[in-house]
Each structure stands twice: as C-alpha cells, then as structure tokens.
C-alpha cells in the first residue's frame, strides 16, 4: 500500500487489551500525516521543478547542438573562404606575372625595333651623305668643266681663281646646312 497523508490519517488499528494509548497514537498519526503531507507537497514541487529543468535541459541541449553545428559550419565556411581566397590570390599573381612577362616581352620587341630603326637610319644617313658628297663633287666637277674658256686657259684660270687648298669643297658643311 502506498502511503499518503490521507491514508495515514484514516489508518485504523485493532483494539487490544493493554495496547497503546489511543489518543497518543491518533495524535502521533495526525502529526505524522501533516509532516508527510508537507513532504509530499515539497516532493511534488521538486518533481515539477525537476520536470521544468529537464525540459530546459532538453532545450539547452538542442541549442548546444545547433550552436555546435553552426560552429562547425562556420569553421568549414571560413576554411573554404580562406582556400578560395588563396586560390584567387594565386590566380591573380599568375595573371599579373603573365601580364608582366608580356609587357617585358613587348618592351623588348619595341626596344629591338627602335634599335633596328636607329641602325637603319644611320645606314640611310651614311648612304645619303655619300650620295650628297658624290653629287656635290659631281657638281663641282661640272662647274670646273663648264667654264667657256679653252681648256688650257681654263685650268690656269681655275687655278688662279680658286686656290688649290680651297678647290676642295667642304661637303660636311654643306650637308650640315642642308640637314
């Protein structure tokens, strides 16, 4: 039989000769029933609190699992983000290196082109100077021949009119003036 405060209060004992004092037993049972009722009420309160705490504990465990899951996801996401950033950085570096190499190669090509152009221009300058010298000399020779004096007199006149050291025409000065 399960003890309750009501069971204790209503408990009946058989009567016997020389038994316990009925009033003392009933007073004791009454006090026992009251104490038992207080303990039972406290127990009920504690059970309700325990149930409430268990429910909170379940909620906290759910929250904990959710937080752990979220933390794991965040760690995975950050790891993926770091990995993606590293890959993007490596790609950007490779692209920059390619562009730099292309720029360097293009600059080398342009430098070679300019060097070749300068060499060609120098060659053309030398060729032009040679042609101009030849033309000036040809013109000077033509001038000497074209004078209408007999040849014998022509030579003597030319020699007297143009001193020998000045008979040579300074082609470089003429070229400087032309350029």
C-alpha atoms as a PDB file:
ATOM      1  CA  UNK A   1       0.000   0.000   0.000  1.00  0.00           C
ATOM      2  CA  UNK A   2       1.250   3.473  -0.907  1.00  0.00           C
ATOM      3  CA  UNK A   3       1.443   5.926   1.936  1.00  0.00           C
ATOM      4  CA  UNK A   4      -0.389   9.202   1.601  1.00  0.00           C
ATOM      5  CA  UNK A   5      -1.304  11.757   4.227  1.00  0.00           C
ATOM      6  CA  UNK A   6      -4.960  10.707   3.955  1.00  0.00           C
ATOM      7  CA  UNK A   7      -4.081   7.001   4.425  1.00  0.00           C
ATOM      8  CA  UNK A   8      -2.077   7.822   7.497  1.00  0.00           C
ATOM      9  CA  UNK A   9      -4.943   9.906   8.963  1.00  0.00           C
ATOM     10  CA  UNK A  10      -7.529   7.218   8.301  1.00  0.00           C
ATOM     11  CA  UNK A  11      -5.403   4.317   9.476  1.00  0.00           C
ATOM     12  CA  UNK A  12      -7.336   2.145  11.909  1.00  0.00           C
ATOM     13  CA  UNK A  13      -5.754  -0.277  14.361  1.00  0.00           C
ATOM     14  CA  UNK A  14      -7.311  -3.288  16.017  1.00  0.00           C
ATOM     15  CA  UNK A  15      -8.114  -2.884  19.651  1.00  0.00           C
ATOM     16  CA  UNK A  16      -6.236  -4.919  22.133  1.00  0.00           C
ATOM     17  CA  UNK A  17      -6.049  -5.118  25.866  1.00  0.00           C
ATOM     18  CA  UNK A  18      -3.155  -3.266  27.262  1.00  0.00           C
ATOM     19  CA  UNK A  19      -2.477  -1.637  23.903  1.00  0.00           C
ATOM     20  CA  UNK A  20      -1.152   1.828  23.261  1.00  0.00           C
ATOM     21  CA  UNK A  21      -2.983   4.925  24.372  1.00  0.00           C
ATOM     22  CA  UNK A  22      -5.479   5.566  21.638  1.00  0.00           C
ATOM     23  CA  UNK A  23      -5.262   9.384  21.892  1.00  0.00           C
ATOM     24  CA  UNK A  24      -1.465   9.382  21.737  1.00  0.00           C
ATOM     25  CA  UNK A  25      -1.471   7.115  18.701  1.00  0.00           C
ATOM     26  CA  UNK A  26      -4.076   9.264  16.965  1.00  0.00           C
ATOM     27  CA  UNK A  27      -2.169  12.477  17.830  1.00  0.00           C
ATOM     28  CA  UNK A  28       1.051  10.897  16.552  1.00  0.00           C
ATOM     29  CA  UNK A  29      -0.636   9.754  13.358  1.00  0.00           C
ATOM     30  CA  UNK A  30      -2.126  13.205  12.913  1.00  0.00           C
ATOM     31  CA  UNK A  31       1.311  14.862  13.221  1.00  0.00           C
ATOM     32  CA  UNK A  32       2.843  12.204  11.012  1.00  0.00           C
ATOM     33  CA  UNK A  33       0.133  12.777   8.398  1.00  0.00           C
ATOM     34  CA  UNK A  34       0.740  16.535   8.472  1.00  0.00           C
ATOM     35  CA  UNK A  35       4.522  16.131   8.127  1.00  0.00           C
ATOM     36  CA  UNK A  36       4.023  13.550   5.405  1.00  0.00           C
ATOM     37  CA  UNK A  37       1.674  15.924   3.577  1.00  0.00           C
ATOM     38  CA  UNK A  38       4.244  18.736   3.771  1.00  0.00           C
ATOM     39  CA  UNK A  39       6.952  16.390   2.486  1.00  0.00           C
ATOM     40  CA  UNK A  40       4.684  15.126  -0.252  1.00  0.00           C
ATOM     41  CA  UNK A  41       3.832  18.716  -1.324  1.00  0.00           C
ATOM     42  CA  UNK A  42       7.526  19.619  -1.345  1.00  0.00           C
ATOM     43  CA  UNK A  43       8.243  16.467  -3.310  1.00  0.00           C
ATOM     44  CA  UNK A  44       5.549  17.383  -5.842  1.00  0.00           C
ATOM     45  CA  UNK A  45       7.028  20.879  -6.144  1.00  0.00           C
ATOM     46  CA  UNK A  46      10.508  19.414  -6.623  1.00  0.00           C
ATOM     47  CA  UNK A  47       9.187  16.978  -9.221  1.00  0.00           C
ATOM     48  CA  UNK A  48       7.576  19.842 -11.131  1.00  0.00           C
ATOM     49  CA  UNK A  49      10.809  21.858 -10.897  1.00  0.00           C
ATOM     50  CA  UNK A  50      12.775  18.806 -11.991  1.00  0.00           C
ATOM     51  CA  UNK A  51      10.444  18.321 -14.967  1.00  0.00           C
ATOM     52  CA  UNK A  52      10.836  22.006 -15.836  1.00  0.00           C
ATOM     53  CA  UNK A  53      14.621  21.769 -15.504  1.00  0.00           C
ATOM     54  CA  UNK A  54      14.649  18.615 -17.623  1.00  0.00           C
ATOM     55  CA  UNK A  55      12.649  20.452 -20.282  1.00  0.00           C
ATOM     56  CA  UNK A  56      15.046  23.409 -20.127  1.00  0.00           C
ATOM     57  CA  UNK A  57      17.940  20.978 -20.272  1.00  0.00           C
ATOM     58  CA  UNK A  58      16.472  19.453 -23.449  1.00  0.00           C
ATOM     59  CA  UNK A  59      16.130  22.925 -24.943  1.00  0.00           C
ATOM     60  CA  UNK A  60      19.674  23.829 -23.923  1.00  0.00           C
ATOM     61  CA  UNK A  61      20.976  20.590 -25.450  1.00  0.00           C
ATOM     62  CA  UNK A  62      19.119  21.407 -28.682  1.00  0.00           C
ATOM     63  CA  UNK A  63      20.616  24.893 -28.620  1.00  0.00           C
ATOM     64  CA  UNK A  64      24.049  23.428 -27.860  1.00  0.00           C
ATOM     65  CA  UNK A  65      23.776  21.005 -30.782  1.00  0.00           C
ATOM     66  CA  UNK A  66      22.604  23.828 -33.008  1.00  0.00           C
ATOM     67  CA  UNK A  67      25.499  26.019 -31.859  1.00  0.00           C
ATOM     68  CA  UNK A  68      27.981  23.198 -32.397  1.00  0.00           C
ATOM     69  CA  UNK A  69      26.543  22.595 -35.838  1.00  0.00           C
ATOM     70  CA  UNK A  70      26.693  26.303 -36.595  1.00  0.00           C
ATOM     71  CA  UNK A  71      30.264  26.487 -35.314  1.00  0.00           C
ATOM     72  CA  UNK A  72      31.307  23.531 -37.464  1.00  0.00           C
ATOM     73  CA  UNK A  73      29.595  25.115 -40.480  1.00  0.00           C
ATOM     74  CA  UNK A  74      31.269  28.444 -39.754  1.00  0.00           C
ATOM     75  CA  UNK A  75      34.660  26.751 -39.475  1.00  0.00           C
ATOM     76  CA  UNK A  76      34.078  24.906 -42.739  1.00  0.00           C
ATOM     77  CA  UNK A  77      32.886  28.092 -44.416  1.00  0.00           C
ATOM     78  CA  UNK A  78      35.873  30.071 -43.179  1.00  0.00           C
ATOM     79  CA  UNK A  79      38.213  27.279 -44.280  1.00  0.00           C
ATOM     80  CA  UNK A  80      36.578  27.255 -47.705  1.00  0.00           C
ATOM     81  CA  UNK A  81      36.724  31.047 -47.868  1.00  0.00           C
ATOM     82  CA  UNK A  82      40.416  31.028 -46.949  1.00  0.00           C
ATOM     83  CA  UNK A  83      41.090  28.307 -49.516  1.00  0.00           C
ATOM     84  CA  UNK A  84      39.128  30.210 -52.164  1.00  0.00           C
ATOM     85  CA  UNK A  85      40.983  33.409 -51.310  1.00  0.00           C
ATOM     86  CA  UNK A  86      44.316  31.579 -51.613  1.00  0.00           C
ATOM     87  CA  UNK A  87      43.309  30.188 -54.996  1.00  0.00           C
ATOM     88  CA  UNK A  88      42.128  33.599 -56.189  1.00  0.00           C
ATOM     89  CA  UNK A  89      45.335  35.188 -54.921  1.00  0.00           C
ATOM     90  CA  UNK A  90      47.428  32.586 -56.731  1.00  0.00           C
ATOM     91  CA  UNK A  91      45.384  33.163 -59.894  1.00  0.00           C
ATOM     92  CA  UNK A  92      45.773  36.937 -59.642  1.00  0.00           C
ATOM     93  CA  UNK A  93      49.520  36.531 -59.105  1.00  0.00           C
ATOM     94  CA  UNK A  94      49.793  34.227 -62.126  1.00  0.00           C
ATOM     95  CA  UNK A  95      47.817  36.685 -64.252  1.00  0.00           C
ATOM     96  CA  UNK A  96      49.984  39.571 -63.054  1.00  0.00           C
ATOM     97  CA  UNK A  97      53.139  37.594 -63.829  1.00  0.00           C
ATOM     98  CA  UNK A  98      51.828  36.772 -67.315  1.00  0.00           C
ATOM     99  CA  UNK A  99      50.948  40.408 -67.937  1.00  0.00           C
ATOM    100  CA  UNK A 100      54.339  41.499 -66.615  1.00  0.00           C
ATOM    101  CA  UNK A 101      56.095  38.978 -68.865  1.00  0.00           C
ATOM    102  CA  UNK A 102      54.007  40.124 -71.824  1.00  0.00           C
ATOM    103  CA  UNK A 103      54.809  43.750 -71.043  1.00  0.00           C
ATOM    104  CA  UNK A 104      58.512  42.945 -70.730  1.00  0.00           C
ATOM    105  CA  UNK A 105      58.431  40.977 -73.971  1.00  0.00           C
ATOM    106  CA  UNK A 106      56.604  43.800 -75.727  1.00  0.00           C
ATOM    107  CA  UNK A 107      59.103  46.332 -74.369  1.00  0.00           C
ATOM    108  CA  UNK A 108      61.983  44.156 -75.599  1.00  0.00           C
ATOM    109  CA  UNK A 109      60.362  43.919 -79.021  1.00  0.00           C
ATOM    110  CA  UNK A 110      59.864  47.675 -79.119  1.00  0.00           C
ATOM    111  CA  UNK A 111      63.458  48.244 -77.971  1.00  0.00           C
ATOM    112  CA  UNK A 112      64.687  45.884 -80.699  1.00  0.00           C
ATOM    113  CA  UNK A 113      62.501  47.659 -83.246  1.00  0.00           C
ATOM    114  CA  UNK A 114      63.818  51.056 -82.162  1.00  0.00           C
ATOM    115  CA  UNK A 115      67.425  49.770 -82.209  1.00  0.00           C
ATOM    116  CA  UNK A 116      66.906  48.324 -85.689  1.00  0.00           C
ATOM    117  CA  UNK A 117      65.270  51.587 -86.799  1.00  0.00           C
ATOM    118  CA  UNK A 118      68.205  53.602 -85.452  1.00  0.00           C
ATOM    119  CA  UNK A 119      70.654  51.297 -87.239  1.00  0.00           C
ATOM    120  CA  UNK A 120      68.676  51.642 -90.485  1.00  0.00           C
ATOM    121  CA  UNK A 121      68.515  55.422 -90.073  1.00  0.00           C
ATOM    122  CA  UNK A 122      72.272  55.578 -89.515  1.00  0.00           C
ATOM    123  CA  UNK A 123      72.809  53.471 -92.613  1.00  0.00           C
ATOM    124  CA  UNK A 124      70.436  55.686 -94.577  1.00  0.00           C
ATOM    125  CA  UNK A 125      72.233  58.780 -93.221  1.00  0.00           C
ATOM    126  CA  UNK A 126      75.582  57.370 -94.302  1.00  0.00           C
ATOM    127  CA  UNK A 127      74.147  56.490 -97.697  1.00  0.00           C
ATOM    128  CA  UNK A 128      72.590  59.937 -98.085  1.00  0.00           C
ATOM    129  CA  UNK A 129      75.807  61.621 -97.025  1.00  0.00           C
ATOM    130  CA  UNK A 130      77.731  59.557 -99.541  1.00  0.00           C
ATOM    131  CA  UNK A 131      75.217  60.409-102.271  1.00  0.00           C
ATOM    132  CA  UNK A 132      75.298  64.100-101.349  1.00  0.00           C
ATOM    133  CA  UNK A 133      79.095  64.112-101.341  1.00  0.00           C
ATOM    134  CA  UNK A 134      79.060  62.438-104.723  1.00  0.00           C
ATOM    135  CA  UNK A 135      76.518  64.938-106.036  1.00  0.00           C
ATOM    136  CA  UNK A 136      78.447  67.911-104.673  1.00  0.00           C
ATOM    137  CA  UNK A 137      81.681  66.591-106.140  1.00  0.00           C
ATOM    138  CA  UNK A 138      79.941  65.919-109.434  1.00  0.00           C
ATOM    139  CA  UNK A 139      78.527  69.437-109.459  1.00  0.00           C
ATOM    140  CA  UNK A 140      81.912  70.895-108.585  1.00  0.00           C
ATOM    141  CA  UNK A 141      83.483  68.956-111.406  1.00  0.00           C
ATOM    142  CA  UNK A 142      80.767  70.097-113.766  1.00  0.00           C
ATOM    143  CA  UNK A 143      81.364  73.693-112.737  1.00  0.00           C
ATOM    144  CA  UNK A 144      85.018  73.380-113.489  1.00  0.00           C
ATOM    145  CA  UNK A 145      84.336  71.906-116.914  1.00  0.00           C
ATOM    146  CA  UNK A 146      81.516  74.215-117.851  1.00  0.00           C
ATOM    147  CA  UNK A 147      83.515  77.410-117.936  1.00  0.00           C
ATOM    148  CA  UNK A 148      83.756  78.593-121.617  1.00  0.00           C
ATOM    149  CA  UNK A 149      87.418  79.080-121.704  1.00  0.00           C
ATOM    150  CA  UNK A 150      89.773  76.923-123.670  1.00  0.00           C
ATOM    151  CA  UNK A 151      90.981  74.064-121.689  1.00  0.00           C
ATOM    152  CA  UNK A 152      94.480  75.238-121.255  1.00  0.00           C
ATOM    153  CA  UNK A 153      93.339  78.625-120.095  1.00  0.00           C
ATOM    154  CA  UNK A 154      90.534  77.047-118.094  1.00  0.00           C
ATOM    155  CA  UNK A 155      92.935  75.164-115.958  1.00  0.00           C
ATOM    156  CA  UNK A 156      95.132  78.162-115.349  1.00  0.00           C
ATOM    157  CA  UNK A 157      92.162  80.421-114.590  1.00  0.00           C
ATOM    158  CA  UNK A 158      90.640  77.920-112.281  1.00  0.00           C
ATOM    159  CA  UNK A 159      93.938  77.527-110.507  1.00  0.00           C
ATOM    160  CA  UNK A 160      94.329  81.258-110.138  1.00  0.00           C
ATOM    161  CA  UNK A 161      90.675  81.919-109.295  1.00  0.00           C
ATOM    162  CA  UNK A 162      90.360  79.110-106.816  1.00  0.00           C
ATOM    163  CA  UNK A 163      93.367  78.439-104.666  1.00  0.00           C
ATOM    164  CA  UNK A 164      94.310  74.762-104.514  1.00  0.00           C
ATOM    165  CA  UNK A 165      93.555  74.304-100.863  1.00  0.00           C
ATOM    166  CA  UNK A 166      90.110  75.842-101.419  1.00  0.00           C
ATOM    167  CA  UNK A 167      89.346  73.863-104.547  1.00  0.00           C
ATOM    168  CA  UNK A 168      88.106  71.132-102.355  1.00  0.00           C
ATOM    169  CA  UNK A 169      84.582  71.847-101.304  1.00  0.00           C
ATOM    170  CA  UNK A 170      83.721  71.237 -97.665  1.00  0.00           C
ATOM    171  CA  UNK A 171      80.959  68.688 -98.146  1.00  0.00           C
ATOM    172  CA  UNK A 172      80.343  68.301 -94.411  1.00  0.00           C
ATOM    173  CA  UNK A 173      79.456  71.998 -94.039  1.00  0.00           C
ATOM    174  CA  UNK A 174      77.103  71.809 -96.997  1.00  0.00           C
ATOM    175  CA  UNK A 175      75.440  68.751 -95.505  1.00  0.00           C
ATOM    176  CA  UNK A 176      75.064  70.431 -92.127  1.00  0.00           C
ATOM    177  CA  UNK A 177      73.341  73.364 -93.786  1.00  0.00           C
ATOM    178  CA  UNK A 178      71.057  71.040 -95.728  1.00  0.00           C
ATOM    179  CA  UNK A 179      70.106  68.975 -92.703  1.00  0.00           C
END
